[in-house]
Amino acid sequence: MVKASKMRQRKDGFNHTPIWKRLRRDYVLYLLVLPAFIYIFIFNYIPMYGVQIAFKEYMPGLGIEASPWTGWDNFERFFASPDCGTLIWNTVILSVYQLVASFPIPIIIALMLNQCNSIGYKKFVQNVIYAPHFISIVVLIGMMQIMMAPNSGVINTLITALGGEPIFFFGEEGWFRHLYVWSGVWQSTGFNTIIYISALAGVSYEMHEAAIVDGASKFKRILYIDFPSILPTAVILLIMAVGQIMSIGFDKVYLMQNSINMPVSEIISTYIYKKGILDTDYSFSAAVGLFNNIINFVLLISVNGLSRRVSGNSLW
């Protein structure tokens, strides 16, 4: 009977042991996970109670419960707003541009570093590309403004020395998205590279030895050994990135924003901040935020299901 139970468990992939037995057997592991569950419950699930203000005309003096219901009025107001299309377009373009630019670079660097024979050079490169991760957003924007100043910036000084005209980087719409995305690539590449290097560390060297004996070049070993080994990790990170495609943080965009680049820099997160905090229109900003999160949720479910069917890798 025990063998039949184990065979059935292996066959369908599920553990049929009663949950109370698993809790009793692995209680130490569950205790280790408990603080994380408590943290998520307190800071992620309990605040969901306040989502209902998106369907109300929230009045701080009355509180959430006593505030009058308005139904879908806040959502209709957003969709009828002339800013709706521009906000969604700016958010999607900026996020997709960031995803396309930032996703493959850490994979390429990790594959190259994995083939590097010099341990000292490998560590040096890792430290150099990882260091920008520790720079805060405020400091980063300050550095960019100083280096790209029209008159005294290092970049414009170099352009002028080469016979060009100074460029007002923060004063032209066309430069905003490029500055935002590539400064983010510079800042995040090192951290993401570490994830892929960790995945490559689990590749057996015997596979490389066998490939070398068969006459495989470095490129073929990268293509047929290293890349397939990090593909599941890359797929998971891609799913998570697509699931957050509408959730660009407002802090960096807000710091780079000015009256000149506003037509391309105003995104949903900055709009929510201005409406909710500056204009104290809490219900409307909550409705816009809820719409944004629903889009992310739908994208996450869709991409996860597509990945599971195509590659067999998924979050669940």
Protein backbone atom coordinates (compact mmCIF):
# COMPACT_ATOMS: atom_id res chain seq x y z
CA MET A 1 0.00 0.00 0.00
CA VAL A 2 2.86 2.34 0.81
CA LYS A 3 4.45 1.64 -2.56
CA ALA A 4 1.13 2.18 -4.33
CA SER A 5 0.70 5.50 -2.54
CA LYS A 6 4.21 6.64 -3.51
CA MET A 7 3.67 5.56 -7.10
CA ARG A 8 0.38 7.45 -7.23
CA GLN A 9 2.07 10.52 -5.79
CA ARG A 10 4.83 10.38 -8.39
CA LYS A 11 2.35 9.76 -11.18
CA ASP A 12 0.03 12.71 -10.68
CA GLY A 13 2.64 15.05 -9.18
CA PHE A 14 0.63 15.85 -6.03
CA ASN A 15 1.34 15.09 -2.41
CA HIS A 16 -1.66 13.26 -0.91
CA THR A 17 -0.37 13.45 2.68
CA PRO A 18 -2.98 15.17 4.87
CA ILE A 19 -2.14 18.79 5.59
CA TRP A 20 -2.16 18.31 9.37
CA LYS A 21 0.51 15.60 9.01
CA ARG A 22 2.65 17.85 6.84
CA LEU A 23 2.28 20.68 9.37
CA ARG A 24 3.30 18.38 12.21
CA ARG A 25 6.21 16.90 10.28
CA ASP A 26 7.60 20.16 8.86
CA TYR A 27 6.51 22.61 11.56
CA VAL A 28 10.01 24.11 11.81
CA LEU A 29 9.94 25.11 8.14
CA TYR A 30 6.46 26.60 8.49
CA LEU A 31 7.61 28.58 11.53
CA LEU A 32 10.46 30.02 9.46
CA VAL A 33 8.01 31.11 6.77
CA LEU A 34 5.44 32.46 9.25
CA PRO A 35 6.99 35.95 9.72
CA ALA A 36 6.95 36.49 5.94
CA PHE A 37 3.30 35.47 5.76
CA ILE A 38 2.41 37.79 8.65
CA TYR A 39 4.26 40.67 6.98
CA ILE A 40 2.49 40.11 3.64
CA PHE A 41 -0.89 39.76 5.34
CA ILE A 42 -0.50 42.99 7.33
CA PHE A 43 0.97 45.20 4.60
CA ASN A 44 -0.55 43.67 1.45
CA TYR A 45 -3.90 42.12 2.33
CA ILE A 46 -5.31 44.23 5.15
CA PRO A 47 -4.91 47.48 3.13
CA MET A 48 -7.11 45.92 0.42
CA TYR A 49 -10.02 46.87 2.69
CA GLY A 50 -9.50 50.46 1.57
CA VAL A 51 -9.98 49.61 -2.12
CA GLN A 52 -13.69 50.25 -1.68
CA ILE A 53 -13.08 54.02 -1.63
CA ALA A 54 -12.65 53.70 -5.41
CA PHE A 55 -16.41 53.11 -5.54
CA LYS A 56 -17.24 55.87 -3.05
CA GLU A 57 -16.99 59.61 -2.64
CA TYR A 58 -14.53 59.34 0.21
CA MET A 59 -14.80 62.00 2.89
CA PRO A 60 -12.13 61.85 5.62
CA GLY A 61 -14.55 63.27 8.19
CA LEU A 62 -17.02 60.43 7.61
CA GLY A 63 -14.54 57.61 7.20
CA ILE A 64 -14.58 54.76 4.69
CA GLU A 65 -17.76 53.07 5.90
CA ALA A 66 -19.93 56.21 6.11
CA SER A 67 -18.76 57.76 2.83
CA PRO A 68 -21.48 57.60 0.14
CA TRP A 69 -21.30 55.03 -2.65
CA THR A 70 -20.88 56.33 -6.18
CA GLY A 71 -20.51 53.04 -8.05
CA TRP A 72 -18.54 53.30 -11.28
CA ASP A 73 -18.56 57.12 -11.40
CA ASN A 74 -14.85 57.49 -10.64
CA PHE A 75 -13.90 55.00 -13.35
CA GLU A 76 -16.20 56.67 -15.89
CA ARG A 77 -14.67 60.01 -14.98
CA PHE A 78 -11.18 58.67 -15.69
CA PHE A 79 -12.10 57.06 -19.01
CA ALA A 80 -13.91 60.22 -20.09
CA SER A 81 -10.93 62.37 -19.16
CA PRO A 82 -8.86 63.72 -22.08
CA ASP A 83 -5.75 62.60 -20.19
CA CYS A 84 -6.74 58.91 -20.11
CA GLY A 85 -5.35 57.88 -23.50
CA THR A 86 -2.15 59.88 -23.08
CA LEU A 87 -1.49 58.47 -19.61
CA ILE A 88 -1.95 54.87 -20.71
CA TRP A 89 0.14 55.41 -23.85
CA ASN A 90 3.00 57.09 -22.00
CA THR A 91 3.01 54.37 -19.33
CA VAL A 92 2.98 51.48 -21.80
CA ILE A 93 5.62 52.99 -24.11
CA LEU A 94 8.00 53.81 -21.24
CA SER A 95 7.55 50.41 -19.58
CA VAL A 96 7.89 48.37 -22.78
CA TYR A 97 10.95 50.38 -23.82
CA GLN A 98 12.48 49.74 -20.40
CA LEU A 99 11.69 46.01 -20.58
CA VAL A 100 13.12 45.57 -24.08
CA ALA A 101 16.29 47.51 -23.24
CA SER A 102 17.00 46.10 -19.77
CA PHE A 103 15.98 42.45 -20.04
CA PRO A 104 18.57 40.92 -22.43
CA ILE A 105 21.65 42.85 -21.26
CA PRO A 106 22.12 41.05 -17.89
CA ILE A 107 21.73 37.69 -19.65
CA ILE A 108 24.44 38.56 -22.19
CA ILE A 109 26.83 39.86 -19.51
CA ALA A 110 26.24 36.80 -17.29
CA LEU A 111 26.97 34.43 -20.19
CA MET A 112 30.13 36.34 -21.06
CA LEU A 113 31.38 36.45 -17.46
CA ASN A 114 30.68 32.75 -17.06
CA GLN A 115 33.13 32.04 -19.88
CA CYS A 116 35.79 34.30 -18.40
CA ASN A 117 38.80 32.34 -17.09
CA SER A 118 40.30 35.17 -15.05
CA ILE A 119 38.65 35.17 -11.62
CA GLY A 120 40.14 38.54 -10.73
CA TYR A 121 38.85 40.23 -13.87
CA LYS A 122 35.45 38.58 -13.40
CA LYS A 123 35.14 39.92 -9.85
CA PHE A 124 36.28 43.38 -10.95
CA VAL A 125 33.61 43.57 -13.66
CA GLN A 126 30.93 42.33 -11.24
CA ASN A 127 31.85 44.99 -8.68
CA VAL A 128 31.89 47.76 -11.30
CA ILE A 129 28.48 46.95 -12.78
CA TYR A 130 26.92 46.19 -9.38
CA ALA A 131 28.02 49.44 -7.69
CA PRO A 132 25.34 51.68 -9.35
CA HIS A 133 22.65 49.56 -7.67
CA PHE A 134 23.47 51.26 -4.36
CA ILE A 135 22.95 54.79 -5.70
CA SER A 136 19.61 56.25 -4.65
CA ILE A 137 17.18 57.62 -7.22
CA VAL A 138 17.58 61.19 -5.91
CA VAL A 139 21.36 61.04 -6.16
CA LEU A 140 21.15 59.48 -9.62
CA ILE A 141 18.92 62.25 -10.97
CA GLY A 142 21.21 64.85 -9.39
CA MET A 143 24.23 63.28 -11.10
CA MET A 144 22.42 63.26 -14.44
CA GLN A 145 21.40 66.91 -14.13
CA ILE A 146 24.95 67.98 -13.29
CA MET A 147 26.61 65.91 -16.00
CA MET A 148 24.06 66.93 -18.65
CA ALA A 149 23.77 70.63 -17.78
CA PRO A 150 23.55 72.73 -20.98
CA ASN A 151 26.49 75.02 -20.17
CA SER A 152 28.74 73.32 -17.63
CA GLY A 153 27.90 69.62 -17.96
CA VAL A 154 30.63 67.14 -18.86
CA ILE A 155 28.65 65.67 -21.75
CA ASN A 156 27.79 69.03 -23.33
CA THR A 157 31.36 70.22 -22.83
CA LEU A 158 32.54 67.19 -24.78
CA ILE A 159 29.93 67.77 -27.50
CA THR A 160 30.99 71.40 -27.82
CA ALA A 161 34.67 70.42 -27.99
CA LEU A 162 33.86 68.09 -30.89
CA GLY A 163 32.17 70.94 -32.75
CA GLY A 164 28.55 70.19 -31.86
CA GLU A 165 25.83 72.29 -30.28
CA PRO A 166 24.92 71.89 -26.58
CA ILE A 167 21.84 69.78 -25.93
CA PHE A 168 19.29 70.62 -23.25
CA PHE A 169 18.67 66.99 -22.29
CA PHE A 170 16.12 67.67 -19.56
CA GLY A 171 14.38 70.34 -21.61
CA GLU A 172 13.49 68.32 -24.69
CA GLU A 173 10.64 65.79 -24.88
CA GLY A 174 12.56 63.44 -27.13
CA TRP A 175 15.29 62.80 -24.57
CA PHE A 176 13.11 61.97 -21.56
CA ARG A 177 12.41 58.29 -22.32
CA HIS A 178 16.00 57.59 -23.36
CA LEU A 179 17.40 59.16 -20.21
CA TYR A 180 14.94 57.33 -17.99
CA VAL A 181 15.46 53.91 -19.55
CA TRP A 182 19.22 53.85 -20.05
CA SER A 183 19.99 55.33 -16.65
CA GLY A 184 17.83 52.52 -15.24
CA VAL A 185 19.72 49.95 -17.30
CA TRP A 186 23.01 51.28 -15.94
CA GLN A 187 21.69 51.11 -12.38
CA SER A 188 19.97 47.69 -12.44
CA THR A 189 22.11 45.57 -14.78
CA GLY A 190 24.58 44.50 -12.10
CA PHE A 191 21.92 43.20 -9.70
CA ASN A 192 20.09 41.27 -12.44
CA THR A 193 23.36 39.82 -13.70
CA ILE A 194 24.00 38.25 -10.30
CA ILE A 195 20.73 36.31 -10.58
CA TYR A 196 21.78 34.74 -13.88
CA ILE A 197 25.33 34.07 -12.70
CA SER A 198 23.86 32.20 -9.74
CA ALA A 199 21.76 30.10 -12.13
CA LEU A 200 24.83 29.36 -14.27
CA ALA A 201 26.74 28.23 -11.17
CA GLY A 202 24.47 25.18 -11.05
CA VAL A 203 25.50 23.96 -14.50
CA SER A 204 27.61 20.82 -14.29
CA TYR A 205 31.11 21.32 -15.71
CA GLU A 206 31.02 17.73 -16.93
CA MET A 207 28.62 18.86 -19.65
CA HIS A 208 31.15 21.44 -20.82
CA GLU A 209 33.95 18.86 -20.71
CA ALA A 210 31.92 16.46 -22.84
CA ALA A 211 31.14 19.26 -25.30
CA ILE A 212 34.83 20.22 -25.49
CA VAL A 213 35.76 16.61 -26.23
CA ASP A 214 33.18 16.62 -29.03
CA GLY A 215 34.80 19.74 -30.48
CA ALA A 216 32.16 22.28 -29.51
CA SER A 217 33.25 25.91 -29.59
CA LYS A 218 32.59 28.41 -26.78
CA PHE A 219 29.68 29.88 -28.69
CA LYS A 220 28.04 26.48 -29.14
CA ARG A 221 28.55 25.65 -25.46
CA ILE A 222 26.89 28.94 -24.52
CA LEU A 223 24.07 28.30 -26.98
CA TYR A 224 23.34 24.68 -26.12
CA ILE A 225 24.43 24.36 -22.46
CA ASP A 226 24.52 27.69 -20.64
CA PHE A 227 21.55 29.42 -22.26
CA PRO A 228 19.07 26.52 -21.76
CA SER A 229 20.15 26.29 -18.12
CA ILE A 230 19.19 29.90 -17.36
CA LEU A 231 16.12 29.93 -19.60
CA PRO A 232 13.68 28.94 -16.77
CA THR A 233 15.05 31.77 -14.60
CA ALA A 234 14.78 34.22 -17.49
CA VAL A 235 11.18 33.17 -18.18
CA ILE A 236 10.17 33.66 -14.54
CA LEU A 237 11.77 37.12 -14.42
CA LEU A 238 10.12 38.02 -17.74
CA ILE A 239 6.69 36.98 -16.42
CA MET A 240 7.19 39.09 -13.30
CA ALA A 241 8.38 42.06 -15.39
CA VAL A 242 5.38 41.86 -17.72
CA GLY A 243 3.09 41.60 -14.68
CA GLN A 244 4.41 45.00 -13.56
CA ILE A 245 4.40 46.65 -16.97
CA MET A 246 1.87 49.28 -15.86
CA SER A 247 3.51 49.87 -12.48
CA ILE A 248 6.38 52.25 -13.15
CA GLY A 249 7.41 53.89 -9.91
CA PHE A 250 6.52 57.56 -9.76
CA ASP A 251 9.62 58.72 -7.86
CA LYS A 252 12.16 58.72 -10.68
CA VAL A 253 9.68 59.98 -13.28
CA TYR A 254 8.49 62.71 -10.91
CA LEU A 255 12.05 63.89 -10.24
CA MET A 256 12.82 64.03 -13.97
CA GLN A 257 9.52 65.70 -14.82
CA ASN A 258 9.17 69.37 -15.75
CA SER A 259 6.75 71.57 -17.65
CA ILE A 260 8.58 71.01 -20.94
CA ASN A 261 8.63 67.19 -21.02
CA MET A 262 5.22 66.79 -19.35
CA PRO A 263 3.47 65.53 -22.54
CA VAL A 264 5.64 62.38 -22.54
CA SER A 265 6.57 62.11 -18.84
CA GLU A 266 3.11 62.17 -17.28
CA ILE A 267 2.28 58.52 -16.50
CA ILE A 268 -0.38 56.81 -14.41
CA SER A 269 1.67 56.66 -11.20
CA THR A 270 2.53 60.38 -11.24
CA TYR A 271 -1.07 61.20 -12.13
CA ILE A 272 -2.31 59.15 -9.15
CA TYR A 273 0.15 60.94 -6.85
CA LYS A 274 -0.93 64.37 -8.01
CA LYS A 275 -4.65 63.61 -7.85
CA GLY A 276 -4.56 61.70 -4.58
CA ILE A 277 -1.94 63.55 -2.53
CA LEU A 278 -1.71 67.03 -4.01
CA ASP A 279 -5.37 67.47 -5.02
CA THR A 280 -6.74 65.25 -2.18
CA ASP A 281 -9.07 63.51 -4.66
CA TYR A 282 -8.70 60.18 -2.87
CA SER A 283 -11.56 58.23 -4.46
CA PHE A 284 -10.62 59.15 -8.01
CA SER A 285 -6.95 58.32 -7.50
CA ALA A 286 -7.92 55.01 -5.88
CA ALA A 287 -10.07 54.16 -8.91
CA VAL A 288 -7.22 54.92 -11.31
CA GLY A 289 -4.84 52.85 -9.21
CA LEU A 290 -7.27 49.93 -9.08
CA PHE A 291 -7.68 50.03 -12.86
CA ASN A 292 -3.89 50.01 -13.21
CA ASN A 293 -3.52 47.00 -10.91
CA ILE A 294 -6.26 45.06 -12.69
CA ILE A 295 -4.42 45.51 -16.00
CA ASN A 296 -1.23 44.21 -14.37
CA PHE A 297 -3.09 41.23 -12.91
CA VAL A 298 -4.60 40.30 -16.27
CA LEU A 299 -1.21 40.59 -17.98
CA LEU A 300 0.44 38.44 -15.31
CA ILE A 301 -2.16 35.67 -15.61
CA SER A 302 -2.07 35.77 -19.42
CA VAL A 303 1.71 35.70 -19.79
CA ASN A 304 2.06 33.02 -17.12
CA GLY A 305 -0.45 30.78 -18.90
CA LEU A 306 1.16 31.40 -22.28
CA SER A 307 4.61 30.60 -20.90
CA ARG A 308 3.36 27.39 -19.29
CA ARG A 309 1.89 26.18 -22.59
CA VAL A 310 4.86 27.21 -24.75
CA SER A 311 7.91 26.51 -22.61
CA GLY A 312 6.59 24.57 -19.63
CA ASN A 313 7.98 27.22 -17.23
CA SER A 314 5.67 29.37 -15.13
CA LEU A 315 5.20 30.95 -11.72
CA TRP A 316 2.52 28.40 -10.85
